[in-house]
Amino acid sequence: MIEGGPTLNWHMLHDKLVDEIRLITCRSSVGGSDTPSLVGGMHINSEEEMIRLNLKKYYMCGSNLVSEFDILYDEV
């Protein structure tokens, strides 16, 4: 399990070292042009370069939504 920022997340995904992503969505929102995203450092030139996700399950944990995804590295 890693709990990293955008740069570490990008390198782990780019090197295909992640099997699953678990996102926790809280009841508040933070934004702005200087707010970090989930994955940083990722520049893609086409849709084929995107890392695909498959939603495995989702559930509520208190007032937070938890979404679990498998990584589909070789999907186009």
Protein backbone atom coordinates (compact mmCIF):
# COMPACT_ATOMS: atom_id res chain seq x y z
CA MET A 1 0.00 0.00 0.00
CA ILE A 2 1.26 3.45 -0.84
CA GLU A 3 -0.20 6.73 0.25
CA GLY A 4 1.77 9.06 -1.92
CA GLY A 5 1.39 12.31 -3.69
CA PRO A 6 0.96 12.89 -7.42
CA THR A 7 4.62 12.31 -8.34
CA LEU A 8 5.00 9.00 -6.49
CA ASN A 9 1.60 7.84 -7.76
CA TRP A 10 2.63 8.57 -11.36
CA HIS A 11 5.93 6.69 -11.10
CA MET A 12 4.29 3.66 -9.49
CA LEU A 13 1.61 3.54 -12.23
CA HIS A 14 4.11 4.24 -15.04
CA ASP A 15 6.32 1.36 -13.85
CA LYS A 16 3.24 -0.92 -13.57
CA LEU A 17 3.74 -1.50 -9.85
CA VAL A 18 0.10 -0.87 -8.89
CA ASP A 19 -2.58 -3.57 -9.01
CA GLU A 20 -5.45 -1.64 -7.49
CA ILE A 21 -6.51 1.90 -6.70
CA ARG A 22 -8.79 2.64 -3.77
CA LEU A 23 -10.19 6.17 -3.79
CA ILE A 24 -11.95 7.72 -0.83
CA THR A 25 -14.27 10.57 -1.74
CA CYS A 26 -15.10 12.89 1.13
CA ARG A 27 -18.03 15.26 1.49
CA SER A 28 -15.90 18.33 0.82
CA SER A 29 -14.14 19.68 -2.23
CA VAL A 30 -10.81 21.41 -2.69
CA GLY A 31 -9.78 23.03 -5.95
CA GLY A 32 -7.70 25.60 -7.68
CA SER A 33 -4.99 25.70 -10.30
CA ASP A 34 -2.27 24.94 -7.72
CA THR A 35 -4.12 22.01 -6.07
CA PRO A 36 -2.30 18.70 -6.69
CA SER A 37 -4.13 16.00 -8.61
CA LEU A 38 -4.17 12.26 -7.94
CA VAL A 39 -1.50 11.61 -10.59
CA GLY A 40 1.10 14.18 -11.60
CA GLY A 41 3.85 14.16 -14.19
CA MET A 42 1.70 12.30 -16.68
CA HIS A 43 1.63 13.87 -20.12
CA ILE A 44 -0.17 11.87 -22.77
CA ASN A 45 -0.39 12.50 -26.48
CA SER A 46 -3.32 10.20 -27.24
CA GLU A 47 -6.15 8.31 -25.58
CA GLU A 48 -4.25 5.04 -26.14
CA GLU A 49 -1.64 6.15 -23.59
CA MET A 50 -4.20 6.43 -20.78
CA ILE A 51 -4.09 3.89 -17.97
CA ARG A 52 -7.49 2.19 -17.87
CA LEU A 53 -9.36 1.36 -14.68
CA ASN A 54 -12.04 -1.23 -14.02
CA LEU A 55 -14.45 -0.44 -11.18
CA LYS A 56 -14.45 -3.45 -8.87
CA LYS A 57 -16.74 -2.26 -6.12
CA TYR A 58 -17.88 0.78 -4.22
CA TYR A 59 -19.38 1.30 -0.79
CA MET A 60 -20.02 3.89 1.88
CA CYS A 61 -17.72 4.14 4.88
CA GLY A 62 -19.47 6.57 7.19
CA SER A 63 -20.13 9.62 5.03
CA ASN A 64 -17.30 8.80 2.58
CA LEU A 65 -17.59 6.92 -0.71
CA VAL A 66 -14.89 4.26 -1.24
CA SER A 67 -14.30 3.13 -4.84
CA GLU A 68 -11.98 0.24 -5.69
CA PHE A 69 -10.51 -0.13 -9.18
CA ASP A 70 -8.31 -2.74 -10.87
CA ILE A 71 -5.61 -1.40 -13.21
CA LEU A 72 -5.84 -2.50 -16.86
CA TYR A 73 -2.39 -1.62 -18.16
CA ASP A 74 -2.62 -3.43 -21.51
CA GLU A 75 -6.18 -2.42 -22.41
CA VAL A 76 -6.75 -0.09 -25.35
